[in-house]
């Protein structure tokens, strides 16, 4: 496991490399699990557009048990700011 501190907040330019790569799904959520950005591949996986996914919660796109599991896995990073 690699652990590194977050050096700065991420912005739209940080996500640009993940857009347009066939087969690569990428997204960003805030600390409340609300979607801030996704690439077209991720949106297509959900049969919608990237703009339609903005503002949707993790709980809006996954069954509750799966969403809770993902949140539990991400919570240590959200609490400490350390990527693992």
PDB file of N, CA and C in Angstrom:
ATOM      1  N   UNK A   1       0.847  -1.172   0.000  1.00  0.00           N
ATOM      2  CA  UNK A   1       0.000   0.000   0.000  1.00  0.00           C
ATOM      3  C   UNK A   1       0.896   1.240   0.000  1.00  0.00           C
ATOM      4  N   UNK A   2       0.567   2.192  -0.838  1.00  0.00           N
ATOM      5  CA  UNK A   2       1.283   3.460  -0.900  1.00  0.00           C
ATOM      6  C   UNK A   2       0.432   4.507  -0.193  1.00  0.00           C
ATOM      7  N   UNK A   3       1.033   5.219   0.729  1.00  0.00           N
ATOM      8  CA  UNK A   3       0.316   6.258   1.464  1.00  0.00           C
ATOM      9  C   UNK A   3       1.050   7.574   1.247  1.00  0.00           C
ATOM     10  N   UNK A   4       0.314   8.579   0.749  1.00  0.00           N
ATOM     11  CA  UNK A   4       0.899   9.897   0.539  1.00  0.00           C
ATOM     12  C   UNK A   4      -0.091  10.957   0.990  1.00  0.00           C
ATOM     13  N   UNK A   5       0.388  12.046   1.571  1.00  0.00           N
ATOM     14  CA  UNK A   5      -0.537  13.117   1.962  1.00  0.00           C
ATOM     15  C   UNK A   5      -1.049  13.844   0.719  1.00  0.00           C
ATOM     16  N   UNK A   6      -2.274  14.331   0.801  1.00  0.00           N
ATOM     17  CA  UNK A   6      -2.814  15.148  -0.285  1.00  0.00           C
ATOM     18  C   UNK A   6      -2.071  16.471  -0.283  1.00  0.00           C
ATOM     19  N   UNK A   7      -1.491  16.850  -1.403  1.00  0.00           N
ATOM     20  CA  UNK A   7      -0.688  18.056  -1.439  1.00  0.00           C
ATOM     21  C   UNK A   7      -1.502  19.307  -1.731  1.00  0.00           C
ATOM     22  N   UNK A   8      -2.629  19.147  -2.427  1.00  0.00           N
ATOM     23  CA  UNK A   8      -3.454  20.301  -2.771  1.00  0.00           C
ATOM     24  C   UNK A   8      -4.814  19.800  -3.242  1.00  0.00           C
ATOM     25  N   UNK A   9      -5.815  20.665  -3.226  1.00  0.00           N
ATOM     26  CA  UNK A   9      -7.116  20.273  -3.775  1.00  0.00           C
ATOM     27  C   UNK A   9      -7.002  20.019  -5.276  1.00  0.00           C
ATOM     28  N   UNK A  10      -7.823  19.112  -5.783  1.00  0.00           N
ATOM     29  CA  UNK A  10      -7.818  18.824  -7.215  1.00  0.00           C
ATOM     30  C   UNK A  10      -8.825  19.711  -7.915  1.00  0.00           C
ATOM     31  N   UNK A  11      -8.560  19.986  -9.180  1.00  0.00           N
ATOM     32  CA  UNK A  11      -9.456  20.794  -9.988  1.00  0.00           C
ATOM     33  C   UNK A  11      -9.677  20.152 -11.342  1.00  0.00           C
ATOM     34  N   UNK A  12     -10.462  20.785 -12.218  1.00  0.00           N
ATOM     35  CA  UNK A  12     -10.798  20.219 -13.529  1.00  0.00           C
ATOM     36  C   UNK A  12      -9.584  19.826 -14.368  1.00  0.00           C
ATOM     37  N   UNK A  13      -8.514  20.582 -14.303  1.00  0.00           N
ATOM     38  CA  UNK A  13      -7.321  20.251 -15.097  1.00  0.00           C
ATOM     39  C   UNK A  13      -6.709  18.920 -14.670  1.00  0.00           C
ATOM     40  N   UNK A  14      -6.881  18.570 -13.406  1.00  0.00           N
ATOM     41  CA  UNK A  14      -6.345  17.294 -12.916  1.00  0.00           C
ATOM     42  C   UNK A  14      -7.091  16.102 -13.510  1.00  0.00           C
ATOM     43  N   UNK A  15      -8.347  16.311 -13.883  1.00  0.00           N
ATOM     44  CA  UNK A  15      -9.159  15.224 -14.401  1.00  0.00           C
ATOM     45  C   UNK A  15      -9.049  15.056 -15.910  1.00  0.00           C
ATOM     46  N   UNK A  16      -8.577  16.072 -16.596  1.00  0.00           N
ATOM     47  CA  UNK A  16      -8.509  16.052 -18.056  1.00  0.00           C
ATOM     48  C   UNK A  16      -7.816  14.810 -18.628  1.00  0.00           C
ATOM     49  N   UNK A  17      -6.735  14.314 -18.041  1.00  0.00           N
ATOM     50  CA  UNK A  17      -6.084  13.129 -18.616  1.00  0.00           C
ATOM     51  C   UNK A  17      -6.961  11.874 -18.624  1.00  0.00           C
ATOM     52  N   UNK A  18      -8.008  11.852 -17.814  1.00  0.00           N
ATOM     53  CA  UNK A  18      -8.876  10.682 -17.730  1.00  0.00           C
ATOM     54  C   UNK A  18     -10.030  10.721 -18.726  1.00  0.00           C
ATOM     55  N   UNK A  19     -10.154  11.806 -19.460  1.00  0.00           N
ATOM     56  CA  UNK A  19     -11.253  11.946 -20.406  1.00  0.00           C
ATOM     57  C   UNK A  19     -10.829  11.435 -21.776  1.00  0.00           C
ATOM     58  N   UNK A  20     -11.713  10.728 -22.430  1.00  0.00           N
ATOM     59  CA  UNK A  20     -11.476  10.288 -23.801  1.00  0.00           C
ATOM     60  C   UNK A  20     -10.676   9.009 -23.942  1.00  0.00           C
ATOM     61  N   UNK A  21     -10.418   8.300 -22.857  1.00  0.00           N
ATOM     62  CA  UNK A  21      -9.695   7.032 -22.935  1.00  0.00           C
ATOM     63  C   UNK A  21     -10.727   5.908 -22.926  1.00  0.00           C
ATOM     64  N   UNK A  22     -10.826   5.218 -24.033  1.00  0.00           N
ATOM     65  CA  UNK A  22     -11.821   4.158 -24.168  1.00  0.00           C
ATOM     66  C   UNK A  22     -11.632   3.094 -23.095  1.00  0.00           C
ATOM     67  N   UNK A  23     -12.728   2.745 -22.425  1.00  0.00           N
ATOM     68  CA  UNK A  23     -12.711   1.691 -21.416  1.00  0.00           C
ATOM     69  C   UNK A  23     -12.287   2.141 -20.031  1.00  0.00           C
ATOM     70  N   UNK A  24     -11.907   3.424 -19.861  1.00  0.00           N
ATOM     71  CA  UNK A  24     -11.482   3.928 -18.557  1.00  0.00           C
ATOM     72  C   UNK A  24     -12.569   4.791 -17.950  1.00  0.00           C
ATOM     73  N   UNK A  25     -13.146   4.337 -16.859  1.00  0.00           N
ATOM     74  CA  UNK A  25     -14.156   5.113 -16.143  1.00  0.00           C
ATOM     75  C   UNK A  25     -13.467   5.908 -15.050  1.00  0.00           C
ATOM     76  N   UNK A  26     -13.787   7.191 -14.963  1.00  0.00           N
ATOM     77  CA  UNK A  26     -13.196   8.051 -13.941  1.00  0.00           C
ATOM     78  C   UNK A  26     -14.251   9.012 -13.426  1.00  0.00           C
ATOM     79  N   UNK A  27     -14.187   9.301 -12.131  1.00  0.00           N
ATOM     80  CA  UNK A  27     -15.117  10.247 -11.543  1.00  0.00           C
ATOM     81  C   UNK A  27     -14.511  10.857 -10.299  1.00  0.00           C
ATOM     82  N   UNK A  28     -15.090  11.952  -9.852  1.00  0.00           N
ATOM     83  CA  UNK A  28     -14.672  12.628  -8.626  1.00  0.00           C
ATOM     84  C   UNK A  28     -15.920  12.934  -7.810  1.00  0.00           C
ATOM     85  N   UNK A  29     -15.805  12.700  -6.514  1.00  0.00           N
ATOM     86  CA  UNK A  29     -16.899  12.981  -5.586  1.00  0.00           C
ATOM     87  C   UNK A  29     -16.366  13.872  -4.470  1.00  0.00           C
ATOM     88  N   UNK A  30     -17.278  14.600  -3.835  1.00  0.00           N
ATOM     89  CA  UNK A  30     -16.873  15.388  -2.678  1.00  0.00           C
ATOM     90  C   UNK A  30     -16.951  14.519  -1.429  1.00  0.00           C
ATOM     91  N   UNK A  31     -16.688  15.121  -0.270  1.00  0.00           N
ATOM     92  CA  UNK A  31     -16.661  14.358   0.976  1.00  0.00           C
ATOM     93  C   UNK A  31     -18.027  13.816   1.375  1.00  0.00           C
ATOM     94  N   UNK A  32     -19.094  14.323   0.755  1.00  0.00           N
ATOM     95  CA  UNK A  32     -20.443  13.816   1.022  1.00  0.00           C
ATOM     96  C   UNK A  32     -20.876  12.793  -0.024  1.00  0.00           C
ATOM     97  N   UNK A  33     -19.933  12.390  -0.874  1.00  0.00           N
ATOM     98  CA  UNK A  33     -20.145  11.391  -1.925  1.00  0.00           C
ATOM     99  C   UNK A  33     -21.025  11.887  -3.055  1.00  0.00           C
ATOM    100  N   UNK A  34     -21.106  13.202  -3.225  1.00  0.00           N
ATOM    101  CA  UNK A  34     -21.838  13.803  -4.341  1.00  0.00           C
ATOM    102  C   UNK A  34     -20.868  13.950  -5.507  1.00  0.00           C
ATOM    103  N   UNK A  35     -21.316  13.528  -6.671  1.00  0.00           N
ATOM    104  CA  UNK A  35     -20.447  13.535  -7.843  1.00  0.00           C
ATOM    105  C   UNK A  35     -20.204  14.947  -8.349  1.00  0.00           C
ATOM    106  N   UNK A  36     -18.914  15.254  -8.542  1.00  0.00           N
ATOM    107  CA  UNK A  36     -18.498  16.561  -9.038  1.00  0.00           C
ATOM    108  C   UNK A  36     -18.143  16.528 -10.513  1.00  0.00           C
ATOM    109  N   UNK A  37     -17.661  15.376 -10.980  1.00  0.00           N
ATOM    110  CA  UNK A  37     -17.178  15.230 -12.353  1.00  0.00           C
ATOM    111  C   UNK A  37     -17.156  13.751 -12.708  1.00  0.00           C
ATOM    112  N   UNK A  38     -17.347  13.450 -13.975  1.00  0.00           N
ATOM    113  CA  UNK A  38     -17.081  12.099 -14.477  1.00  0.00           C
ATOM    114  C   UNK A  38     -16.757  12.204 -15.963  1.00  0.00           C
ATOM    115  N   UNK A  39     -16.072  11.194 -16.449  1.00  0.00           N
ATOM    116  CA  UNK A  39     -15.802  11.187 -17.883  1.00  0.00           C
ATOM    117  C   UNK A  39     -16.963  10.492 -18.603  1.00  0.00           C
ATOM    118  N   UNK A  40     -16.945  10.564 -19.908  1.00  0.00           N
ATOM    119  CA  UNK A  40     -18.040  10.030 -20.710  1.00  0.00           C
ATOM    120  C   UNK A  40     -18.156   8.514 -20.571  1.00  0.00           C
ATOM    121  N   UNK A  41     -17.040   7.825 -20.372  1.00  0.00           N
ATOM    122  CA  UNK A  41     -17.077   6.364 -20.210  1.00  0.00           C
ATOM    123  C   UNK A  41     -17.878   5.976 -18.973  1.00  0.00           C
ATOM    124  N   UNK A  42     -17.683   6.705 -17.870  1.00  0.00           N
ATOM    125  CA  UNK A  42     -18.435   6.415 -16.643  1.00  0.00           C
ATOM    126  C   UNK A  42     -19.919   6.702 -16.855  1.00  0.00           C
ATOM    127  N   UNK A  43     -20.222   7.816 -17.496  1.00  0.00           N
ATOM    128  CA  UNK A  43     -21.620   8.160 -17.764  1.00  0.00           C
ATOM    129  C   UNK A  43     -22.274   7.105 -18.649  1.00  0.00           C
ATOM    130  N   UNK A  44     -21.557   6.637 -19.663  1.00  0.00           N
ATOM    131  CA  UNK A  44     -22.111   5.613 -20.557  1.00  0.00           C
ATOM    132  C   UNK A  44     -22.402   4.327 -19.806  1.00  0.00           C
ATOM    133  N   UNK A  45     -21.580   4.010 -18.810  1.00  0.00           N
ATOM    134  CA  UNK A  45     -21.812   2.824 -17.981  1.00  0.00           C
ATOM    135  C   UNK A  45     -23.170   2.904 -17.292  1.00  0.00           C
ATOM    136  N   UNK A  46     -23.602   4.132 -16.999  1.00  0.00           N
ATOM    137  CA  UNK A  46     -24.893   4.357 -16.344  1.00  0.00           C
ATOM    138  C   UNK A  46     -25.971   4.798 -17.338  1.00  0.00           C
ATOM    139  N   UNK A  47     -25.683   4.637 -18.633  1.00  0.00           N
ATOM    140  CA  UNK A  47     -26.646   4.967 -19.698  1.00  0.00           C
ATOM    141  C   UNK A  47     -27.144   6.402 -19.627  1.00  0.00           C
ATOM    142  N   UNK A  48     -26.222   7.339 -19.415  1.00  0.00           N
ATOM    143  CA  UNK A  48     -26.599   8.740 -19.345  1.00  0.00           C
ATOM    144  C   UNK A  48     -25.418   9.601 -19.817  1.00  0.00           C
ATOM    145  N   UNK A  49     -25.500  10.887 -19.594  1.00  0.00           N
ATOM    146  CA  UNK A  49     -24.414  11.794 -19.983  1.00  0.00           C
ATOM    147  C   UNK A  49     -23.620  12.224 -18.751  1.00  0.00           C
ATOM    148  N   UNK A  50     -22.420  12.716 -18.986  1.00  0.00           N
ATOM    149  CA  UNK A  50     -21.591  13.185 -17.874  1.00  0.00           C
ATOM    150  C   UNK A  50     -22.279  14.324 -17.123  1.00  0.00           C
ATOM    151  N   UNK A  51     -22.876  15.254 -17.839  1.00  0.00           N
ATOM    152  CA  UNK A  51     -23.529  16.382 -17.169  1.00  0.00           C
ATOM    153  C   UNK A  51     -24.721  15.935 -16.324  1.00  0.00           C
ATOM    154  N   UNK A  52     -25.419  14.876 -16.737  1.00  0.00           N
ATOM    155  CA  UNK A  52     -26.557  14.365 -15.964  1.00  0.00           C
ATOM    156  C   UNK A  52     -26.106  13.677 -14.674  1.00  0.00           C
ATOM    157  N   UNK A  53     -24.854  13.251 -14.611  1.00  0.00           N
ATOM    158  CA  UNK A  53     -24.352  12.568 -13.413  1.00  0.00           C
ATOM    159  C   UNK A  53     -23.926  13.548 -12.320  1.00  0.00           C
ATOM    160  N   UNK A  54     -23.644  14.798 -12.678  1.00  0.00           N
ATOM    161  CA  UNK A  54     -23.193  15.787 -11.703  1.00  0.00           C
ATOM    162  C   UNK A  54     -24.270  15.987 -10.640  1.00  0.00           C
ATOM    163  N   UNK A  55     -23.852  15.954  -9.380  1.00  0.00           N
ATOM    164  CA  UNK A  55     -24.781  16.160  -8.272  1.00  0.00           C
ATOM    165  C   UNK A  55     -25.419  14.890  -7.743  1.00  0.00           C
ATOM    166  N   UNK A  56     -25.163  13.767  -8.393  1.00  0.00           N
ATOM    167  CA  UNK A  56     -25.744  12.506  -7.926  1.00  0.00           C
ATOM    168  C   UNK A  56     -24.869  11.913  -6.824  1.00  0.00           C
ATOM    169  N   UNK A  57     -25.504  11.382  -5.826  1.00  0.00           N
ATOM    170  CA  UNK A  57     -24.806  10.761  -4.710  1.00  0.00           C
ATOM    171  C   UNK A  57     -24.397   9.339  -5.067  1.00  0.00           C
ATOM    172  N   UNK A  58     -23.407   8.834  -4.357  1.00  0.00           N
ATOM    173  CA  UNK A  58     -23.019   7.441  -4.492  1.00  0.00           C
ATOM    174  C   UNK A  58     -24.229   6.539  -4.249  1.00  0.00           C
ATOM    175  N   UNK A  59     -25.098   6.973  -3.344  1.00  0.00           N
ATOM    176  CA  UNK A  59     -26.292   6.202  -3.012  1.00  0.00           C
ATOM    177  C   UNK A  59     -27.360   6.273  -4.100  1.00  0.00           C
ATOM    178  N   UNK A  60     -27.215   7.213  -5.034  1.00  0.00           N
ATOM    179  CA  UNK A  60     -28.143   7.310  -6.163  1.00  0.00           C
ATOM    180  C   UNK A  60     -27.818   6.313  -7.266  1.00  0.00           C
ATOM    181  N   UNK A  61     -26.568   5.859  -7.323  1.00  0.00           N
ATOM    182  CA  UNK A  61     -26.157   5.018  -8.452  1.00  0.00           C
ATOM    183  C   UNK A  61     -25.825   3.582  -8.058  1.00  0.00           C
ATOM    184  N   UNK A  62     -25.759   3.305  -6.770  1.00  0.00           N
ATOM    185  CA  UNK A  62     -25.455   1.952  -6.300  1.00  0.00           C
ATOM    186  C   UNK A  62     -26.504   1.493  -5.302  1.00  0.00           C
ATOM    187  N   UNK A  63     -26.702   0.183  -5.191  1.00  0.00           N
ATOM    188  CA  UNK A  63     -27.564  -0.318  -4.104  1.00  0.00           C
ATOM    189  C   UNK A  63     -26.981   0.128  -2.754  1.00  0.00           C
ATOM    190  N   UNK A  64     -27.830   0.348  -1.778  1.00  0.00           N
ATOM    191  CA  UNK A  64     -27.399   0.908  -0.500  1.00  0.00           C
ATOM    192  C   UNK A  64     -26.233   0.131   0.120  1.00  0.00           C
ATOM    193  N   UNK A  65     -26.286  -1.192   0.126  1.00  0.00           N
ATOM    194  CA  UNK A  65     -25.214  -1.985   0.741  1.00  0.00           C
ATOM    195  C   UNK A  65     -23.879  -1.749   0.046  1.00  0.00           C
ATOM    196  N   UNK A  66     -23.898  -1.663  -1.280  1.00  0.00           N
ATOM    197  CA  UNK A  66     -22.661  -1.419  -2.028  1.00  0.00           C
ATOM    198  C   UNK A  66     -22.136  -0.008  -1.772  1.00  0.00           C
ATOM    199  N   UNK A  67     -23.045   0.965  -1.724  1.00  0.00           N
ATOM    200  CA  UNK A  67     -22.645   2.344  -1.464  1.00  0.00           C
ATOM    201  C   UNK A  67     -22.032   2.469  -0.066  1.00  0.00           C
ATOM    202  N   UNK A  68     -22.624   1.830   0.920  1.00  0.00           N
ATOM    203  CA  UNK A  68     -22.094   1.869   2.283  1.00  0.00           C
ATOM    204  C   UNK A  68     -20.718   1.214   2.354  1.00  0.00           C
ATOM    205  N   UNK A  69     -20.535   0.112   1.630  1.00  0.00           N
ATOM    206  CA  UNK A  69     -19.240  -0.562   1.608  1.00  0.00           C
ATOM    207  C   UNK A  69     -18.162   0.351   1.002  1.00  0.00           C
ATOM    208  N   UNK A  70     -18.479   0.980  -0.116  1.00  0.00           N
ATOM    209  CA  UNK A  70     -17.512   1.894  -0.758  1.00  0.00           C
ATOM    210  C   UNK A  70     -17.180   3.063   0.154  1.00  0.00           C
ATOM    211  N   UNK A  71     -18.192   3.615   0.785  1.00  0.00           N
ATOM    212  CA  UNK A  71     -17.966   4.735   1.687  1.00  0.00           C
ATOM    213  C   UNK A  71     -17.062   4.310   2.841  1.00  0.00           C
ATOM    214  N   UNK A  72     -17.284   3.131   3.402  1.00  0.00           N
ATOM    215  CA  UNK A  72     -16.450   2.640   4.503  1.00  0.00           C
ATOM    216  C   UNK A  72     -14.995   2.482   4.056  1.00  0.00           C
ATOM    217  N   UNK A  73     -14.783   2.069   2.811  1.00  0.00           N
ATOM    218  CA  UNK A  73     -13.424   1.919   2.300  1.00  0.00           C
ATOM    219  C   UNK A  73     -12.744   3.273   2.087  1.00  0.00           C
ATOM    220  N   UNK A  74     -13.526   4.281   1.722  1.00  0.00           N
ATOM    221  CA  UNK A  74     -12.973   5.608   1.448  1.00  0.00           C
ATOM    222  C   UNK A  74     -12.864   6.474   2.697  1.00  0.00           C
ATOM    223  N   UNK A  75     -13.611   6.152   3.744  1.00  0.00           N
ATOM    224  CA  UNK A  75     -13.697   7.014   4.921  1.00  0.00           C
ATOM    225  C   UNK A  75     -12.349   7.329   5.560  1.00  0.00           C
ATOM    226  N   UNK A  76     -11.422   6.377   5.680  1.00  0.00           N
ATOM    227  CA  UNK A  76     -10.129   6.728   6.286  1.00  0.00           C
ATOM    228  C   UNK A  76      -9.412   7.855   5.528  1.00  0.00           C
ATOM    229  N   UNK A  77      -9.464   7.840   4.214  1.00  0.00           N
ATOM    230  CA  UNK A  77      -8.837   8.907   3.430  1.00  0.00           C
ATOM    231  C   UNK A  77      -9.583  10.219   3.636  1.00  0.00           C
ATOM    232  N   UNK A  78     -10.910  10.157   3.674  1.00  0.00           N
ATOM    233  CA  UNK A  78     -11.686  11.377   3.891  1.00  0.00           C
ATOM    234  C   UNK A  78     -11.412  11.966   5.272  1.00  0.00           C
ATOM    235  N   UNK A  79     -11.222  11.105   6.268  1.00  0.00           N
ATOM    236  CA  UNK A  79     -10.986  11.576   7.631  1.00  0.00           C
ATOM    237  C   UNK A  79      -9.591  12.151   7.837  1.00  0.00           C
ATOM    238  N   UNK A  80      -8.602  11.544   7.191  1.00  0.00           N
ATOM    239  CA  UNK A  80      -7.210  11.918   7.452  1.00  0.00           C
ATOM    240  C   UNK A  80      -6.571  12.760   6.349  1.00  0.00           C
ATOM    241  N   UNK A  81      -7.133  12.732   5.147  1.00  0.00           N
ATOM    242  CA  UNK A  81      -6.527  13.430   4.030  1.00  0.00           C
ATOM    243  C   UNK A  81      -5.324  12.715   3.462  1.00  0.00           C
ATOM    244  N   UNK A  82      -5.107  11.482   3.880  1.00  0.00           N
ATOM    245  CA  UNK A  82      -3.980  10.696   3.402  1.00  0.00           C
ATOM    246  C   UNK A  82      -4.490   9.668   2.409  1.00  0.00           C
ATOM    247  N   UNK A  83      -3.952   9.702   1.195  1.00  0.00           N
ATOM    248  CA  UNK A  83      -4.345   8.757   0.153  1.00  0.00           C
ATOM    249  C   UNK A  83      -3.713   7.406   0.448  1.00  0.00           C
ATOM    250  N   UNK A  84      -4.491   6.351   0.306  1.00  0.00           N
ATOM    251  CA  UNK A  84      -3.908   5.022   0.511  1.00  0.00           C
ATOM    252  C   UNK A  84      -4.279   4.108  -0.621  1.00  0.00           C
TER     253      UNK A  84
END
